Amino acid sequence: MRLKSYIIEGPGRHGHPVRRSALNPENKIAETLKRDCKQILQFYKQGRYLYRGIRVNSSDPTFVEKKFHPDRRPKDTVQGIHDYMNKLYKEKFGWEVRSGISVTSAFTQASMYGGVFIFLPVDGFKFVYNLEIFDFTDDFAGEWTDTGHRWIGKDDFHFKKNAQAVVDDSKDTNLKGAFGYQREIMFWCKKYYLLSHLEDQILKDL
């Protein structure tokens, strides 16, 4: 297998993947993953992966490196709900889960957001998931907004009760068990890599 490009995040708040030539890029990627991603590679030994769909600014992306930005803003969820849920999640898990990186073991779900990449967080990551949540916006947040996307539940007893229930039912253990349910999993990590799903042989050969 021969990779055609090796992509590293460039300048800017979220960066832009930039095409870069590399000698024996397969070896370079494998060495990077073995060095930085030992924890997640243990889960990937069975050939099941977590995916993230992204749009990149390269004609032929295969490998992307990204830094985690804790000030990430929601794309589809009303900001008020996002902030309130983060408050509840931080009280339970110690970090703002809704500002984390959303991934899934469902390939089709990831493909709805762009090119499908295998998610590889660096060691020391944290994660949270809820087995009732396939997509947070569709399964919860959307119920508390009107057609104008104005948050109408911030002072509502029922909203607060349901929001707390979502957090209470969330887990940060048994990541392997979460794979089979194909639910949204939120990650925190200092940095992560994205490898094109077409290049999964690299992981199989590790």
N, C-alpha and C. Protein backbone atom coordinates (compact mmCIF):
# COMPACT_ATOMS: atom_id res chain seq x y z
N MET A 1 0.84 -1.19 0.00
CA MET A 1 0.00 0.00 0.00
C MET A 1 0.88 1.24 0.00
N ARG A 2 0.58 2.21 -0.83
CA ARG A 2 1.40 3.42 -0.91
C ARG A 2 0.52 4.63 -0.64
N LEU A 3 0.83 5.38 0.40
CA LEU A 3 0.09 6.59 0.70
C LEU A 3 0.51 7.70 -0.26
N LYS A 4 -0.44 8.52 -0.65
CA LYS A 4 -0.14 9.58 -1.60
C LYS A 4 0.13 10.92 -0.91
N SER A 5 -0.25 11.05 0.35
CA SER A 5 -0.01 12.32 1.02
C SER A 5 0.03 12.14 2.51
N TYR A 6 0.65 13.10 3.16
CA TYR A 6 0.77 13.10 4.62
C TYR A 6 0.40 14.51 5.04
N ILE A 7 -0.64 14.68 5.85
CA ILE A 7 -1.20 15.99 6.09
C ILE A 7 -1.02 16.42 7.54
N ILE A 8 -0.53 17.62 7.74
CA ILE A 8 -0.34 18.17 9.07
C ILE A 8 -1.15 19.46 9.16
N GLU A 9 -1.80 19.66 10.29
CA GLU A 9 -2.62 20.86 10.46
C GLU A 9 -1.76 22.10 10.38
N GLY A 10 -2.23 23.08 9.64
CA GLY A 10 -1.48 24.31 9.45
C GLY A 10 -1.93 25.42 10.38
N PRO A 11 -1.62 26.68 10.05
CA PRO A 11 -1.92 27.81 10.92
C PRO A 11 -3.41 28.11 10.97
N GLY A 12 -3.78 28.98 11.92
CA GLY A 12 -5.19 29.35 12.06
C GLY A 12 -5.79 28.74 13.30
N ARG A 13 -6.97 29.23 13.66
CA ARG A 13 -7.60 28.78 14.90
C ARG A 13 -7.82 27.28 14.91
N HIS A 14 -8.35 26.76 13.83
CA HIS A 14 -8.56 25.32 13.74
C HIS A 14 -7.58 24.69 12.76
N GLY A 15 -6.83 25.51 12.02
CA GLY A 15 -5.83 24.98 11.12
C GLY A 15 -6.42 24.50 9.81
N HIS A 16 -5.56 24.33 8.84
CA HIS A 16 -5.96 23.82 7.54
C HIS A 16 -4.98 22.73 7.14
N PRO A 17 -5.47 21.52 6.89
CA PRO A 17 -4.57 20.45 6.46
C PRO A 17 -3.80 20.86 5.21
N VAL A 18 -2.53 20.57 5.19
CA VAL A 18 -1.66 20.95 4.08
C VAL A 18 -0.98 19.72 3.53
N ARG A 19 -0.97 19.58 2.24
CA ARG A 19 -0.33 18.43 1.63
C ARG A 19 1.18 18.54 1.78
N ARG A 20 1.81 17.41 2.13
CA ARG A 20 3.25 17.39 2.31
C ARG A 20 3.80 16.05 1.85
N SER A 21 4.84 16.07 1.03
CA SER A 21 5.45 14.83 0.58
C SER A 21 6.25 14.21 1.72
N ALA A 22 6.35 12.91 1.73
CA ALA A 22 7.12 12.24 2.79
C ALA A 22 7.72 10.96 2.23
N LEU A 23 8.96 10.71 2.61
CA LEU A 23 9.61 9.48 2.21
C LEU A 23 9.07 8.34 3.07
N ASN A 24 8.64 7.25 2.42
CA ASN A 24 8.04 6.13 3.14
C ASN A 24 6.99 6.60 4.15
N PRO A 25 5.95 7.30 3.71
CA PRO A 25 4.97 7.88 4.65
C PRO A 25 4.27 6.84 5.50
N GLU A 26 4.11 5.59 4.98
CA GLU A 26 3.46 4.57 5.78
C GLU A 26 4.24 4.34 7.07
N ASN A 27 5.58 4.26 6.96
CA ASN A 27 6.41 4.03 8.12
C ASN A 27 6.35 5.22 9.07
N LYS A 28 6.31 6.43 8.53
CA LYS A 28 6.29 7.63 9.35
C LYS A 28 5.00 7.68 10.16
N ILE A 29 3.88 7.36 9.52
CA ILE A 29 2.60 7.36 10.22
C ILE A 29 2.58 6.27 11.28
N ALA A 30 3.02 5.08 10.93
CA ALA A 30 3.02 3.97 11.88
C ALA A 30 3.87 4.30 13.10
N GLU A 31 5.03 4.90 12.88
CA GLU A 31 5.90 5.26 13.99
C GLU A 31 5.24 6.30 14.90
N THR A 32 4.56 7.25 14.29
CA THR A 32 3.87 8.30 15.06
C THR A 32 2.77 7.71 15.92
N LEU A 33 1.98 6.82 15.34
CA LEU A 33 0.86 6.24 16.08
C LEU A 33 1.35 5.31 17.19
N LYS A 34 2.37 4.53 16.93
CA LYS A 34 2.90 3.64 17.97
C LYS A 34 3.48 4.44 19.13
N ARG A 35 4.02 5.59 18.84
CA ARG A 35 4.61 6.44 19.88
C ARG A 35 3.55 7.17 20.70
N ASP A 36 2.51 7.70 20.02
CA ASP A 36 1.58 8.63 20.68
C ASP A 36 0.23 8.02 21.06
N CYS A 37 -0.16 6.91 20.48
CA CYS A 37 -1.54 6.44 20.60
C CYS A 37 -1.64 5.00 21.11
N LYS A 38 -0.83 4.65 22.06
CA LYS A 38 -0.82 3.28 22.56
C LYS A 38 -2.18 2.87 23.15
N GLN A 39 -2.83 3.77 23.87
CA GLN A 39 -4.09 3.43 24.54
C GLN A 39 -5.19 3.05 23.55
N ILE A 40 -5.43 3.89 22.56
CA ILE A 40 -6.53 3.61 21.64
C ILE A 40 -6.19 2.43 20.73
N LEU A 41 -4.92 2.23 20.44
CA LEU A 41 -4.53 1.10 19.58
C LEU A 41 -4.86 -0.23 20.25
N GLN A 42 -4.88 -0.26 21.57
CA GLN A 42 -5.29 -1.48 22.27
C GLN A 42 -6.73 -1.84 21.95
N PHE A 43 -7.58 -0.81 21.81
CA PHE A 43 -8.99 -1.05 21.49
C PHE A 43 -9.18 -1.42 20.02
N TYR A 44 -8.26 -0.98 19.17
CA TYR A 44 -8.41 -1.19 17.74
C TYR A 44 -7.85 -2.52 17.25
N LYS A 45 -7.30 -3.31 18.14
CA LYS A 45 -6.70 -4.58 17.73
C LYS A 45 -7.71 -5.54 17.13
N GLN A 46 -8.99 -5.39 17.48
CA GLN A 46 -10.02 -6.28 16.96
C GLN A 46 -10.55 -5.82 15.60
N GLY A 47 -10.00 -4.73 15.08
CA GLY A 47 -10.42 -4.27 13.76
C GLY A 47 -11.66 -3.40 13.75
N ARG A 48 -12.08 -2.93 14.91
CA ARG A 48 -13.22 -2.02 15.00
C ARG A 48 -12.69 -0.66 15.42
N TYR A 49 -13.21 0.38 14.75
CA TYR A 49 -12.65 1.71 14.94
C TYR A 49 -13.70 2.74 15.32
N LEU A 50 -13.22 3.87 15.80
CA LEU A 50 -14.05 5.05 16.00
C LEU A 50 -13.77 6.00 14.84
N TYR A 51 -14.82 6.63 14.33
CA TYR A 51 -14.70 7.46 13.14
C TYR A 51 -15.12 8.90 13.40
N ARG A 52 -14.56 9.78 12.58
CA ARG A 52 -14.97 11.19 12.58
C ARG A 52 -15.02 11.66 11.14
N GLY A 53 -16.11 12.31 10.79
CA GLY A 53 -16.25 12.83 9.44
C GLY A 53 -15.84 14.29 9.39
N ILE A 54 -14.93 14.64 8.49
CA ILE A 54 -14.48 16.03 8.38
C ILE A 54 -14.34 16.41 6.90
N ARG A 55 -14.36 17.72 6.68
CA ARG A 55 -14.06 18.26 5.35
C ARG A 55 -12.67 18.88 5.43
N VAL A 56 -11.80 18.50 4.51
CA VAL A 56 -10.43 18.99 4.53
C VAL A 56 -10.13 19.74 3.25
N ASN A 57 -9.11 20.58 3.31
CA ASN A 57 -8.74 21.42 2.18
C ASN A 57 -7.58 20.83 1.39
N SER A 58 -7.63 19.55 1.20
CA SER A 58 -6.58 18.89 0.41
C SER A 58 -7.25 17.96 -0.58
N SER A 59 -6.64 17.82 -1.75
CA SER A 59 -7.25 17.00 -2.78
C SER A 59 -7.14 15.51 -2.50
N ASP A 60 -6.20 15.13 -1.63
CA ASP A 60 -5.99 13.71 -1.40
C ASP A 60 -5.51 13.46 0.03
N PRO A 61 -6.33 13.71 1.03
CA PRO A 61 -5.89 13.57 2.41
C PRO A 61 -5.81 12.11 2.86
N THR A 62 -4.81 11.79 3.65
CA THR A 62 -4.73 10.46 4.23
C THR A 62 -4.48 10.52 5.74
N PHE A 63 -3.80 11.56 6.20
CA PHE A 63 -3.43 11.63 7.61
C PHE A 63 -3.45 13.08 8.07
N VAL A 64 -4.15 13.35 9.17
CA VAL A 64 -4.31 14.71 9.67
C VAL A 64 -3.95 14.75 11.14
N GLU A 65 -3.21 15.74 11.55
CA GLU A 65 -2.91 15.97 12.96
C GLU A 65 -3.62 17.22 13.41
N LYS A 66 -4.33 17.13 14.54
CA LYS A 66 -5.08 18.29 15.03
C LYS A 66 -4.87 18.48 16.52
N LYS A 67 -4.83 19.71 16.94
CA LYS A 67 -4.80 20.04 18.35
C LYS A 67 -6.23 20.23 18.85
N PHE A 68 -6.43 19.90 20.11
CA PHE A 68 -7.75 20.06 20.71
C PHE A 68 -7.95 21.50 21.16
N HIS A 69 -9.10 22.09 20.81
CA HIS A 69 -9.43 23.45 21.20
C HIS A 69 -10.61 23.41 22.18
N PRO A 70 -10.39 23.68 23.47
CA PRO A 70 -11.46 23.58 24.47
C PRO A 70 -12.55 24.63 24.30
N ASP A 71 -12.30 25.65 23.48
CA ASP A 71 -13.31 26.70 23.28
C ASP A 71 -14.14 26.44 22.03
N ARG A 72 -14.19 25.19 21.60
CA ARG A 72 -14.97 24.85 20.40
C ARG A 72 -16.43 25.24 20.58
N ARG A 73 -17.01 25.81 19.54
CA ARG A 73 -18.42 26.22 19.58
C ARG A 73 -19.26 25.18 18.85
N PRO A 74 -20.51 24.98 19.29
CA PRO A 74 -21.35 23.96 18.67
C PRO A 74 -21.78 24.35 17.26
N LYS A 75 -21.85 23.35 16.38
CA LYS A 75 -22.29 23.61 15.01
C LYS A 75 -23.81 23.55 14.88
N ASP A 76 -24.43 22.62 15.60
CA ASP A 76 -25.86 22.38 15.41
C ASP A 76 -26.70 22.61 16.66
N THR A 77 -26.07 22.72 17.82
CA THR A 77 -26.79 22.87 19.07
C THR A 77 -26.82 24.33 19.50
N VAL A 78 -27.96 24.78 20.01
CA VAL A 78 -28.09 26.15 20.51
C VAL A 78 -27.04 26.39 21.60
N GLN A 79 -26.39 27.55 21.55
CA GLN A 79 -25.29 27.83 22.47
C GLN A 79 -25.71 27.73 23.93
N GLY A 80 -26.92 28.18 24.26
CA GLY A 80 -27.37 28.14 25.64
C GLY A 80 -27.48 26.72 26.17
N ILE A 81 -27.98 25.81 25.38
CA ILE A 81 -28.07 24.41 25.77
C ILE A 81 -26.67 23.82 25.89
N HIS A 82 -25.84 24.14 24.94
CA HIS A 82 -24.44 23.68 24.96
C HIS A 82 -23.76 24.08 26.27
N ASP A 83 -23.89 25.33 26.64
CA ASP A 83 -23.25 25.84 27.85
C ASP A 83 -23.83 25.21 29.11
N TYR A 84 -25.15 25.05 29.15
CA TYR A 84 -25.79 24.48 30.33
C TYR A 84 -25.38 23.02 30.52
N MET A 85 -25.36 22.27 29.43
CA MET A 85 -24.95 20.87 29.52
C MET A 85 -23.47 20.77 29.95
N ASN A 86 -22.64 21.66 29.45
CA ASN A 86 -21.23 21.65 29.86
C ASN A 86 -21.10 21.87 31.36
N LYS A 87 -21.92 22.75 31.89
CA LYS A 87 -21.90 23.00 33.34
C LYS A 87 -22.22 21.72 34.11
N LEU A 88 -23.26 21.01 33.68
CA LEU A 88 -23.65 19.77 34.36
C LEU A 88 -22.59 18.68 34.20
N TYR A 89 -22.07 18.56 32.98
CA TYR A 89 -21.05 17.54 32.73
C TYR A 89 -19.78 17.80 33.54
N LYS A 90 -19.40 19.07 33.64
CA LYS A 90 -18.19 19.39 34.38
C LYS A 90 -18.35 19.05 35.86
N GLU A 91 -19.55 19.25 36.39
CA GLU A 91 -19.81 18.91 37.79
C GLU A 91 -19.63 17.41 38.04
N LYS A 92 -19.98 16.59 37.05
CA LYS A 92 -19.89 15.14 37.23
C LYS A 92 -18.54 14.57 36.81
N PHE A 93 -18.03 15.02 35.65
CA PHE A 93 -16.84 14.39 35.08
C PHE A 93 -15.57 15.25 35.15
N GLY A 94 -15.72 16.53 35.50
CA GLY A 94 -14.56 17.39 35.63
C GLY A 94 -14.11 18.07 34.35
N TRP A 95 -14.86 17.90 33.27
CA TRP A 95 -14.53 18.59 32.01
C TRP A 95 -15.80 18.85 31.22
N GLU A 96 -15.72 19.82 30.33
CA GLU A 96 -16.89 20.26 29.56
C GLU A 96 -17.09 19.34 28.36
N VAL A 97 -17.86 18.32 28.57
CA VAL A 97 -18.01 17.22 27.60
C VAL A 97 -18.53 17.70 26.25
N ARG A 98 -19.50 18.62 26.24
CA ARG A 98 -20.07 19.05 24.96
C ARG A 98 -19.08 19.86 24.11
N SER A 99 -17.99 20.29 24.70
CA SER A 99 -16.94 20.97 23.94
C SER A 99 -15.87 19.99 23.47
N GLY A 100 -16.09 18.72 23.72
CA GLY A 100 -15.14 17.70 23.31
C GLY A 100 -15.25 17.37 21.84
N ILE A 101 -14.57 16.32 21.44
CA ILE A 101 -14.53 15.88 20.04
C ILE A 101 -15.52 14.74 19.88
N SER A 102 -16.47 14.91 19.00
CA SER A 102 -17.52 13.92 18.80
C SER A 102 -17.09 12.87 17.77
N VAL A 103 -17.16 11.60 18.17
CA VAL A 103 -16.82 10.50 17.26
C VAL A 103 -17.87 9.41 17.40
N THR A 104 -17.81 8.45 16.52
CA THR A 104 -18.79 7.37 16.53
C THR A 104 -18.18 6.10 15.95
N SER A 105 -18.70 4.96 16.36
CA SER A 105 -18.28 3.70 15.73
C SER A 105 -19.16 3.37 14.52
N ALA A 106 -20.12 4.25 14.24
CA ALA A 106 -21.03 4.06 13.10
C ALA A 106 -20.45 4.76 11.87
N PHE A 107 -19.96 3.99 10.92
CA PHE A 107 -19.33 4.56 9.72
C PHE A 107 -20.29 5.47 8.97
N THR A 108 -21.53 5.04 8.81
CA THR A 108 -22.52 5.82 8.06
C THR A 108 -22.77 7.17 8.71
N GLN A 109 -22.84 7.18 10.03
CA GLN A 109 -23.06 8.43 10.76
C GLN A 109 -21.91 9.41 10.50
N ALA A 110 -20.69 8.93 10.56
CA ALA A 110 -19.53 9.79 10.32
C ALA A 110 -19.52 10.32 8.89
N SER A 111 -19.96 9.52 7.94
CA SER A 111 -19.92 9.92 6.53
C SER A 111 -20.85 11.08 6.23
N MET A 112 -21.80 11.36 7.11
CA MET A 112 -22.73 12.47 6.90
C MET A 112 -22.04 13.82 7.08
N TYR A 113 -20.85 13.83 7.67
CA TYR A 113 -20.17 15.08 7.97
C TYR A 113 -18.95 15.33 7.09
N GLY A 114 -18.67 14.43 6.16
CA GLY A 114 -17.54 14.62 5.26
C GLY A 114 -16.79 13.33 5.03
N GLY A 115 -15.50 13.45 4.69
CA GLY A 115 -14.67 12.27 4.51
C GLY A 115 -14.52 11.53 5.83
N VAL A 116 -14.52 10.21 5.78
CA VAL A 116 -14.48 9.41 7.00
C VAL A 116 -13.04 9.07 7.38
N PHE A 117 -12.68 9.43 8.60
CA PHE A 117 -11.35 9.18 9.12
C PHE A 117 -11.44 8.38 10.42
N ILE A 118 -10.45 7.55 10.65
CA ILE A 118 -10.34 6.82 11.90
C ILE A 118 -9.74 7.77 12.94
N PHE A 119 -10.37 7.84 14.09
CA PHE A 119 -9.99 8.77 15.14
C PHE A 119 -8.94 8.15 16.05
N LEU A 120 -7.82 8.86 16.25
CA LEU A 120 -6.71 8.34 17.05
C LEU A 120 -6.25 9.40 18.05
N PRO A 121 -6.83 9.44 19.24
CA PRO A 121 -6.42 10.42 20.25
C PRO A 121 -5.08 10.02 20.86
N VAL A 122 -4.29 11.01 21.25
CA VAL A 122 -3.02 10.70 21.90
C VAL A 122 -3.31 10.16 23.30
N ASP A 123 -2.34 9.50 23.87
CA ASP A 123 -2.50 8.89 25.19
C ASP A 123 -2.85 9.93 26.25
N GLY A 124 -3.66 9.49 27.24
CA GLY A 124 -4.10 10.38 28.30
C GLY A 124 -5.47 10.97 28.03
N PHE A 125 -6.20 10.41 27.07
CA PHE A 125 -7.52 10.96 26.71
C PHE A 125 -8.58 10.62 27.76
N LYS A 126 -9.68 11.37 27.71
CA LYS A 126 -10.87 11.11 28.50
C LYS A 126 -12.03 10.93 27.53
N PHE A 127 -13.08 10.25 27.95
CA PHE A 127 -14.24 10.06 27.08
C PHE A 127 -15.50 9.96 27.92
N VAL A 128 -16.63 10.31 27.30
CA VAL A 128 -17.95 10.19 27.93
C VAL A 128 -18.96 9.82 26.85
N TYR A 129 -19.90 8.94 27.18
CA TYR A 129 -20.96 8.59 26.24
C TYR A 129 -22.22 8.26 27.01
N ASN A 130 -23.33 8.25 26.30
CA ASN A 130 -24.62 7.88 26.86
C ASN A 130 -25.26 6.90 25.87
N LEU A 131 -25.61 5.74 26.34
CA LEU A 131 -26.14 4.70 25.44
C LEU A 131 -27.49 5.05 24.84
N GLU A 132 -28.13 6.11 25.35
CA GLU A 132 -29.40 6.55 24.78
C GLU A 132 -29.22 7.65 23.73
N ILE A 133 -27.98 8.13 23.57
CA ILE A 133 -27.72 9.25 22.67
C ILE A 133 -26.94 8.79 21.45
N PHE A 134 -27.61 8.76 20.30
CA PHE A 134 -26.96 8.46 19.03
C PHE A 134 -26.39 9.74 18.44
N ASP A 135 -27.17 10.81 18.50
CA ASP A 135 -26.73 12.14 18.07
C ASP A 135 -27.34 13.13 19.06
N PHE A 136 -26.51 13.90 19.76
CA PHE A 136 -27.00 14.76 20.84
C PHE A 136 -28.04 15.76 20.36
N THR A 137 -27.78 16.40 19.22
CA THR A 137 -28.72 17.40 18.73
C THR A 137 -30.07 16.77 18.38
N ASP A 138 -30.04 15.65 17.68
CA ASP A 138 -31.29 15.00 17.27
C ASP A 138 -32.01 14.35 18.44
N ASP A 139 -31.26 13.74 19.34
CA ASP A 139 -31.87 12.93 20.39
C ASP A 139 -32.24 13.72 21.64
N PHE A 140 -31.66 14.91 21.80
CA PHE A 140 -31.99 15.68 23.00
C PHE A 140 -32.18 17.17 22.72
N ALA A 141 -31.13 17.85 22.27
CA ALA A 141 -31.15 19.31 22.17
C ALA A 141 -32.27 19.82 21.27
N GLY A 142 -32.55 19.09 20.19
CA GLY A 142 -33.57 19.54 19.25
C GLY A 142 -34.96 19.64 19.84
N GLU A 143 -35.21 18.89 20.91
CA GLU A 143 -36.52 18.93 21.54
C GLU A 143 -36.78 20.23 22.28
N TRP A 144 -35.72 21.00 22.54
CA TRP A 144 -35.85 22.19 23.37
C TRP A 144 -35.59 23.48 22.61
N THR A 145 -35.76 23.44 21.30
CA THR A 145 -35.61 24.64 20.48
C THR A 145 -36.82 24.76 19.57
N ASP A 146 -37.12 26.01 19.21
CA ASP A 146 -38.20 26.22 18.25
C ASP A 146 -37.61 26.30 16.86
N THR A 147 -38.44 26.61 15.87
CA THR A 147 -37.96 26.61 14.48
C THR A 147 -36.91 27.69 14.24
N GLY A 148 -36.86 28.70 15.11
CA GLY A 148 -35.86 29.76 14.95
C GLY A 148 -34.59 29.47 15.72
N HIS A 149 -34.48 28.27 16.26
CA HIS A 149 -33.31 27.87 17.02
C HIS A 149 -33.05 28.80 18.21
N ARG A 150 -34.13 29.23 18.85
CA ARG A 150 -34.00 30.01 20.08
C ARG A 150 -34.22 29.08 21.25
N TRP A 151 -33.34 29.11 22.20
CA TRP A 151 -33.45 28.21 23.35
C TRP A 151 -34.64 28.61 24.19
N ILE A 152 -35.60 27.71 24.34
CA ILE A 152 -36.82 28.04 25.07
C ILE A 152 -36.92 27.25 26.38
N GLY A 153 -35.88 26.51 26.73
CA GLY A 153 -36.00 25.65 27.90
C GLY A 153 -35.13 26.04 29.07
N LYS A 154 -34.44 27.19 29.01
CA LYS A 154 -33.44 27.50 30.02
C LYS A 154 -34.03 27.68 31.42
N ASP A 155 -35.29 28.11 31.50
CA ASP A 155 -35.91 28.27 32.81
C ASP A 155 -37.00 27.24 33.04
N ASP A 156 -36.99 26.21 32.23
CA ASP A 156 -38.04 25.22 32.27
C ASP A 156 -37.66 24.05 33.17
N PHE A 157 -38.49 23.72 34.13
CA PHE A 157 -38.22 22.63 35.06
C PHE A 157 -38.02 21.31 34.32
N HIS A 158 -38.83 21.07 33.31
CA HIS A 158 -38.75 19.81 32.58
C HIS A 158 -37.44 19.70 31.81
N PHE A 159 -36.99 20.82 31.25
CA PHE A 159 -35.71 20.81 30.55
C PHE A 159 -34.59 20.45 31.51
N LYS A 160 -34.54 21.14 32.65
CA LYS A 160 -33.46 20.89 33.61
C LYS A 160 -33.49 19.46 34.12
N LYS A 161 -34.68 18.93 34.32
CA LYS A 161 -34.82 17.55 34.79
C LYS A 161 -34.27 16.58 33.75
N ASN A 162 -34.64 16.80 32.49
CA ASN A 162 -34.18 15.92 31.41
C ASN A 162 -32.69 16.08 31.14
N ALA A 163 -32.19 17.31 31.24
CA ALA A 163 -30.76 17.55 31.04
C ALA A 163 -29.95 16.81 32.10
N GLN A 164 -30.41 16.88 33.33
CA GLN A 164 -29.70 16.19 34.41
C GLN A 164 -29.74 14.68 34.22
N ALA A 165 -30.87 14.18 33.71
CA ALA A 165 -31.00 12.74 33.48
C ALA A 165 -30.00 12.27 32.41
N VAL A 166 -29.81 13.08 31.36
CA VAL A 166 -28.84 12.74 30.31
C VAL A 166 -27.44 12.62 30.90
N VAL A 167 -27.09 13.57 31.73
CA VAL A 167 -25.76 13.57 32.35
C VAL A 167 -25.62 12.41 33.33
N ASP A 168 -26.65 12.19 34.14
CA ASP A 168 -26.60 11.12 35.14
C ASP A 168 -26.43 9.75 34.48
N ASP A 169 -27.00 9.59 33.29
CA ASP A 169 -26.94 8.30 32.59
C ASP A 169 -25.69 8.15 31.74
N SER A 170 -24.86 9.18 31.69
CA SER A 170 -23.63 9.13 30.90
C SER A 170 -22.54 8.39 31.65
N LYS A 171 -21.59 7.83 30.90
CA LYS A 171 -20.54 7.00 31.49
C LYS A 171 -19.17 7.41 30.96
N ASP A 172 -18.15 7.17 31.77
CA ASP A 172 -16.78 7.41 31.32
C ASP A 172 -15.91 6.17 31.54
N THR A 173 -16.54 5.00 31.50
CA THR A 173 -15.84 3.73 31.64
C THR A 173 -16.30 2.78 30.54
N ASN A 174 -15.55 1.68 30.36
CA ASN A 174 -15.90 0.63 29.40
C ASN A 174 -16.03 1.16 27.97
N LEU A 175 -14.98 1.77 27.48
CA LEU A 175 -14.98 2.28 26.11
C LEU A 175 -15.21 1.16 25.11
N LYS A 176 -14.60 0.02 25.33
CA LYS A 176 -14.76 -1.11 24.41
C LYS A 176 -16.24 -1.50 24.28
N GLY A 177 -16.97 -1.48 25.39
CA GLY A 177 -18.38 -1.84 25.36
C GLY A 177 -19.21 -0.84 24.57
N ALA A 178 -18.76 0.42 24.52
CA ALA A 178 -19.52 1.45 23.81
C ALA A 178 -19.44 1.29 22.30
N PHE A 179 -18.40 0.62 21.80
CA PHE A 179 -18.22 0.46 20.35
C PHE A 179 -19.44 -0.19 19.71
N GLY A 180 -19.93 -1.25 20.32
CA GLY A 180 -20.98 -2.03 19.70
C GLY A 180 -22.32 -1.34 19.62
N TYR A 181 -22.52 -0.30 20.42
CA TYR A 181 -23.81 0.38 20.43
C TYR A 181 -23.91 1.49 19.39
N GLN A 182 -22.78 1.83 18.77
CA GLN A 182 -22.74 2.87 17.73
C GLN A 182 -23.39 4.17 18.20
N ARG A 183 -22.97 4.60 19.35
CA ARG A 183 -23.45 5.86 19.90
C ARG A 183 -22.38 6.94 19.79
N GLU A 184 -22.79 8.18 19.93
CA GLU A 184 -21.86 9.30 19.95
C GLU A 184 -20.97 9.20 21.19
N ILE A 185 -19.67 9.35 21.01
CA ILE A 185 -18.73 9.34 22.12
C ILE A 185 -17.94 10.65 22.07
N MET A 186 -17.89 11.35 23.20
CA MET A 186 -17.19 12.62 23.27
C MET A 186 -15.82 12.41 23.91
N PHE A 187 -14.79 12.96 23.28
CA PHE A 187 -13.42 12.79 23.75
C PHE A 187 -12.79 14.13 24.13
N TRP A 188 -11.92 14.05 25.13
CA TRP A 188 -10.99 15.13 25.44
C TRP A 188 -9.58 14.56 25.30
N CYS A 189 -8.72 15.30 24.62
CA CYS A 189 -7.32 14.90 24.50
C CYS A 189 -6.52 16.13 24.09
N LYS A 190 -5.23 16.12 24.34
CA LYS A 190 -4.39 17.25 23.98
C LYS A 190 -4.24 17.39 22.47
N LYS A 191 -4.23 16.26 21.80
CA LYS A 191 -4.01 16.23 20.36
C LYS A 191 -4.57 14.93 19.82
N TYR A 192 -4.93 14.92 18.55
CA TYR A 192 -5.40 13.67 17.95
C TYR A 192 -5.02 13.61 16.48
N TYR A 193 -5.03 12.39 15.96
CA TYR A 193 -4.75 12.16 14.55
C TYR A 193 -5.99 11.58 13.88
N LEU A 194 -6.12 11.85 12.61
CA LEU A 194 -7.18 11.28 11.79
C LEU A 194 -6.53 10.57 10.60
N LEU A 195 -6.84 9.30 10.46
CA LEU A 195 -6.30 8.48 9.39
C LEU A 195 -7.44 8.06 8.46
N SER A 196 -7.28 8.30 7.18
CA SER A 196 -8.32 7.91 6.23
C SER A 196 -8.71 6.45 6.42
N HIS A 197 -10.01 6.17 6.43
CA HIS A 197 -10.46 4.79 6.61
C HIS A 197 -9.96 3.88 5.49
N LEU A 198 -9.58 4.46 4.37
CA LEU A 198 -9.06 3.67 3.26
C LEU A 198 -7.65 3.14 3.55
N GLU A 199 -7.02 3.70 4.56
CA GLU A 199 -5.66 3.30 4.91
C GLU A 199 -5.63 2.51 6.22
N ASP A 200 -6.71 1.81 6.55
CA ASP A 200 -6.76 1.08 7.82
C ASP A 200 -5.77 -0.08 7.88
N GLN A 201 -5.19 -0.45 6.75
CA GLN A 201 -4.18 -1.52 6.76
C GLN A 201 -2.99 -1.12 7.62
N ILE A 202 -2.73 0.17 7.72
CA ILE A 202 -1.63 0.65 8.56
C ILE A 202 -1.85 0.20 9.99
N LEU A 203 -3.09 0.30 10.47
CA LEU A 203 -3.40 -0.11 11.85
C LEU A 203 -3.34 -1.62 12.00
N LYS A 204 -3.77 -2.32 10.98
CA LYS A 204 -3.75 -3.79 11.03
C LYS A 204 -2.33 -4.33 11.08
N ASP A 205 -1.39 -3.56 10.51
CA ASP A 205 -0.01 -4.02 10.46
C ASP A 205 0.80 -3.64 11.69
N LEU A 206 0.24 -2.82 12.56
CA LEU A 206 0.99 -2.38 13.74
C LEU A 206 1.22 -3.54 14.71
